[in-house]
């Protein structure tokens, strides 16, 4: 799986704000001063992929900072965040691309992820099919409309079956292996 573009989009009481980060081939270094949003970008990628369990022990709220959920500090003042979304374009080993979109704040269910077939962020304008999938609910890894079930198929990953506490076998949850791929600076390796 390759990340291609991240877009965080906010609607505030002062108007639209946001950021777009491109991930070309090769090593990508995101550099900025402290408190400029690097960790917010990393956490937003994890939230877009439904991997927020890596960042928190509670599933009641998305583990993102107030700047994308409540109040944005700008050079011109503080503004209420009215709505916010994260978009992430990813590519699999066959070169197929999709865009995943998840609401951070707004009227839409935060446990839904919309998948856009094709490179809707890097090549906008072409018609694409969309479908909603669910996360943070039982069956997200095993049911057809579960996002982690879809993501494993999209990435062509055959996950091993593991036995659960009730004696049934299910595919290994992506949240269990993702901490080996993705280390977030605040919690580091503690999510393993």
Protein backbone atom coordinates (compact mmCIF):
# COMPACT_ATOMS: atom_id res chain seq x y z
CA UNK A 1 0.00 0.00 0.00
CA UNK A 2 1.31 3.42 -0.97
CA UNK A 3 -0.08 6.71 0.20
CA UNK A 4 -0.44 9.19 -2.64
CA UNK A 5 -2.24 12.24 -1.22
CA UNK A 6 -3.67 13.32 2.13
CA UNK A 7 -6.22 16.11 2.34
CA UNK A 8 -7.64 17.50 5.57
CA UNK A 9 -10.54 19.83 4.94
CA UNK A 10 -12.12 22.08 7.59
CA UNK A 11 -15.08 24.43 7.49
CA UNK A 12 -14.71 26.98 10.29
CA UNK A 13 -16.55 30.06 11.47
CA UNK A 14 -13.90 31.99 9.46
CA UNK A 15 -14.34 29.93 6.29
CA UNK A 16 -12.45 26.95 4.81
CA UNK A 17 -9.06 25.79 6.04
CA UNK A 18 -7.06 22.68 5.34
CA UNK A 19 -3.91 21.07 4.09
CA UNK A 20 -2.89 18.75 1.25
CA UNK A 21 0.20 16.56 1.48
CA UNK A 22 1.50 14.62 -1.54
CA UNK A 23 3.41 11.36 -1.24
CA UNK A 24 5.42 10.80 -4.44
CA UNK A 25 7.55 7.71 -5.05
CA UNK A 26 10.59 7.38 -2.80
CA UNK A 27 11.24 8.70 0.66
CA UNK A 28 8.89 11.47 1.78
CA UNK A 29 9.92 13.66 4.70
CA UNK A 30 7.35 15.93 6.31
CA UNK A 31 9.21 18.70 8.10
CA UNK A 32 7.81 21.62 10.04
CA UNK A 33 8.28 23.42 13.34
CA UNK A 34 6.61 22.14 16.49
CA UNK A 35 2.84 22.55 16.70
CA UNK A 36 2.46 22.91 12.93
CA UNK A 37 0.39 19.74 12.32
CA UNK A 38 2.78 16.87 11.56
CA UNK A 39 1.26 14.57 14.18
CA UNK A 40 -2.22 15.68 13.14
CA UNK A 41 -1.43 14.53 9.59
CA UNK A 42 -0.15 11.15 10.79
CA UNK A 43 -3.14 10.64 13.07
CA UNK A 44 -5.49 11.69 10.27
CA UNK A 45 -4.05 8.99 8.01
CA UNK A 46 -4.72 6.40 10.70
CA UNK A 47 -8.27 7.72 11.23
CA UNK A 48 -8.92 7.67 7.47
CA UNK A 49 -7.96 3.99 7.46
CA UNK A 50 -10.06 3.20 10.54
CA UNK A 51 -6.96 2.45 12.61
CA UNK A 52 -7.69 4.85 15.47
CA UNK A 53 -7.54 1.96 17.96
CA UNK A 54 -3.75 2.37 17.66
CA UNK A 55 -4.04 5.83 19.19
CA UNK A 56 -6.53 5.43 22.02
CA UNK A 57 -8.08 2.96 24.41
CA UNK A 58 -11.53 4.47 23.99
CA UNK A 59 -13.65 4.37 20.86
CA UNK A 60 -16.06 7.12 21.92
CA UNK A 61 -14.29 9.90 20.03
CA UNK A 62 -11.74 10.12 17.25
CA UNK A 63 -8.26 10.72 18.75
CA UNK A 64 -7.47 13.93 16.91
CA UNK A 65 -6.54 17.35 18.31
CA UNK A 66 -9.05 20.17 18.85
CA UNK A 67 -7.71 21.98 15.75
CA UNK A 68 -9.68 19.57 13.53
CA UNK A 69 -12.60 18.91 15.88
CA UNK A 70 -13.36 22.01 17.92
CA UNK A 71 -11.24 25.18 17.68
CA UNK A 72 -8.62 26.16 15.13
CA UNK A 73 -5.89 28.62 16.12
CA UNK A 74 -4.96 30.71 13.10
CA UNK A 75 -2.64 33.65 12.62
CA UNK A 76 -5.78 35.81 12.50
CA UNK A 77 -7.50 34.36 15.60
CA UNK A 78 -9.36 31.35 17.00
CA UNK A 79 -12.28 29.90 15.06
CA UNK A 80 -14.87 27.22 15.72
CA UNK A 81 -14.56 24.10 13.58
CA UNK A 82 -18.02 23.48 12.11
CA UNK A 83 -17.20 20.46 9.92
CA UNK A 84 -14.08 18.51 9.05
CA UNK A 85 -13.13 15.57 6.85
CA UNK A 86 -10.01 13.61 6.00
CA UNK A 87 -9.34 12.20 2.52
CA UNK A 88 -6.56 9.75 1.66
CA UNK A 89 -5.60 8.41 -1.74
CA UNK A 90 -3.85 5.04 -1.64
CA UNK A 91 -2.44 2.70 -4.27
CA UNK A 92 -2.13 -1.10 -4.14
CA UNK A 93 0.62 -3.29 -5.62
CA UNK A 94 -1.28 -3.56 -8.94
CA UNK A 95 -1.27 0.24 -9.36
CA UNK A 96 -5.00 0.57 -8.60
CA UNK A 97 -5.96 3.67 -6.66
CA UNK A 98 -8.82 4.53 -4.36
CA UNK A 99 -9.65 7.48 -2.16
CA UNK A 100 -11.04 6.97 1.31
CA UNK A 101 -12.98 9.77 3.00
CA UNK A 102 -14.03 9.95 6.63
CA UNK A 103 -15.86 12.65 8.55
CA UNK A 104 -14.08 13.91 11.64
CA UNK A 105 -16.73 16.43 12.69
CA UNK A 106 -20.14 16.85 11.10
CA UNK A 107 -23.56 15.32 10.70
CA UNK A 108 -22.27 12.18 9.00
CA UNK A 109 -21.66 8.96 10.98
CA UNK A 110 -17.98 8.88 11.98
CA UNK A 111 -17.96 5.10 11.65
CA UNK A 112 -18.54 5.26 7.89
CA UNK A 113 -15.74 5.44 5.35
CA UNK A 114 -16.60 6.31 1.77
CA UNK A 115 -14.41 4.68 -0.88
CA UNK A 116 -14.03 6.42 -4.24
CA UNK A 117 -12.76 4.12 -6.99
CA UNK A 118 -9.88 5.73 -8.84
CA UNK A 119 -7.50 8.63 -8.17
CA UNK A 120 -10.17 11.17 -7.18
CA UNK A 121 -7.67 13.39 -5.34
CA UNK A 122 -4.71 13.39 -7.75
CA UNK A 123 -6.84 13.29 -10.93
CA UNK A 124 -10.16 14.93 -10.04
CA UNK A 125 -12.96 15.32 -12.51
CA UNK A 126 -13.32 11.80 -13.80
CA UNK A 127 -16.51 9.97 -12.77
CA UNK A 128 -15.99 7.48 -10.00
CA UNK A 129 -18.10 4.92 -8.20
CA UNK A 130 -18.47 5.30 -4.45
CA UNK A 131 -19.45 2.94 -1.68
CA UNK A 132 -19.76 3.31 2.09
CA UNK A 133 -18.10 0.84 4.45
CA UNK A 134 -18.21 0.68 8.24
CA UNK A 135 -15.48 0.61 10.90
CA UNK A 136 -15.39 0.38 14.69
CA UNK A 137 -18.28 -2.08 14.67
CA UNK A 138 -18.40 -5.88 14.91
CA UNK A 139 -17.80 -7.43 11.49
CA UNK A 140 -15.61 -4.64 10.07
CA UNK A 141 -12.92 -7.24 9.32
CA UNK A 142 -15.19 -10.03 8.11
CA UNK A 143 -18.32 -8.67 6.45
CA UNK A 144 -18.51 -7.46 2.84
CA UNK A 145 -19.37 -3.91 3.93
CA UNK A 146 -16.69 -3.86 6.64
CA UNK A 147 -13.93 -1.44 5.68
CA UNK A 148 -11.06 -3.56 6.97
CA UNK A 149 -12.41 -6.54 5.01
CA UNK A 150 -12.44 -4.32 1.90
CA UNK A 151 -8.98 -2.86 2.63
CA UNK A 152 -7.37 -6.29 3.04
CA UNK A 153 -8.86 -7.37 -0.32
CA UNK A 154 -7.78 -4.11 -2.01
CA UNK A 155 -4.22 -4.61 -0.75
CA UNK A 156 -4.29 -8.30 -1.73
CA UNK A 157 -3.43 -9.34 1.82
CA UNK A 158 -4.33 -12.83 2.92
CA UNK A 159 -4.57 -12.44 6.67
CA UNK A 160 -4.06 -15.47 8.91
CA UNK A 161 -7.06 -16.80 10.82
CA UNK A 162 -6.76 -16.43 14.59
CA UNK A 163 -8.92 -17.86 17.32
CA UNK A 164 -10.93 -15.41 19.39
CA UNK A 165 -11.97 -15.63 23.02
CA UNK A 166 -15.27 -17.29 21.98
CA UNK A 167 -13.49 -20.08 20.07
CA UNK A 168 -14.33 -18.81 16.58
CA UNK A 169 -11.70 -18.05 13.95
CA UNK A 170 -11.49 -14.67 12.25
CA UNK A 171 -8.89 -12.93 10.09
CA UNK A 172 -6.20 -11.18 12.13
CA UNK A 173 -7.38 -7.62 12.70
CA UNK A 174 -5.45 -5.02 10.73
CA UNK A 175 -5.29 -2.91 13.89
CA UNK A 176 -3.09 -5.66 15.39
CA UNK A 177 -0.47 -5.55 12.64
CA UNK A 178 -0.57 -1.87 11.63
CA UNK A 179 1.56 -0.74 14.61
CA UNK A 180 4.44 -2.67 13.02
CA UNK A 181 4.14 -0.54 9.85
CA UNK A 182 3.32 2.81 11.35
CA UNK A 183 4.86 4.28 14.48
CA UNK A 184 3.20 7.40 15.83
CA UNK A 185 5.53 9.58 17.94
CA UNK A 186 3.23 10.18 20.93
CA UNK A 187 2.59 6.51 21.76
CA UNK A 188 5.50 5.00 19.83
CA UNK A 189 5.76 1.20 19.99
CA UNK A 190 3.32 0.98 22.92
CA UNK A 191 0.51 0.05 20.49
CA UNK A 192 2.22 -3.21 19.56
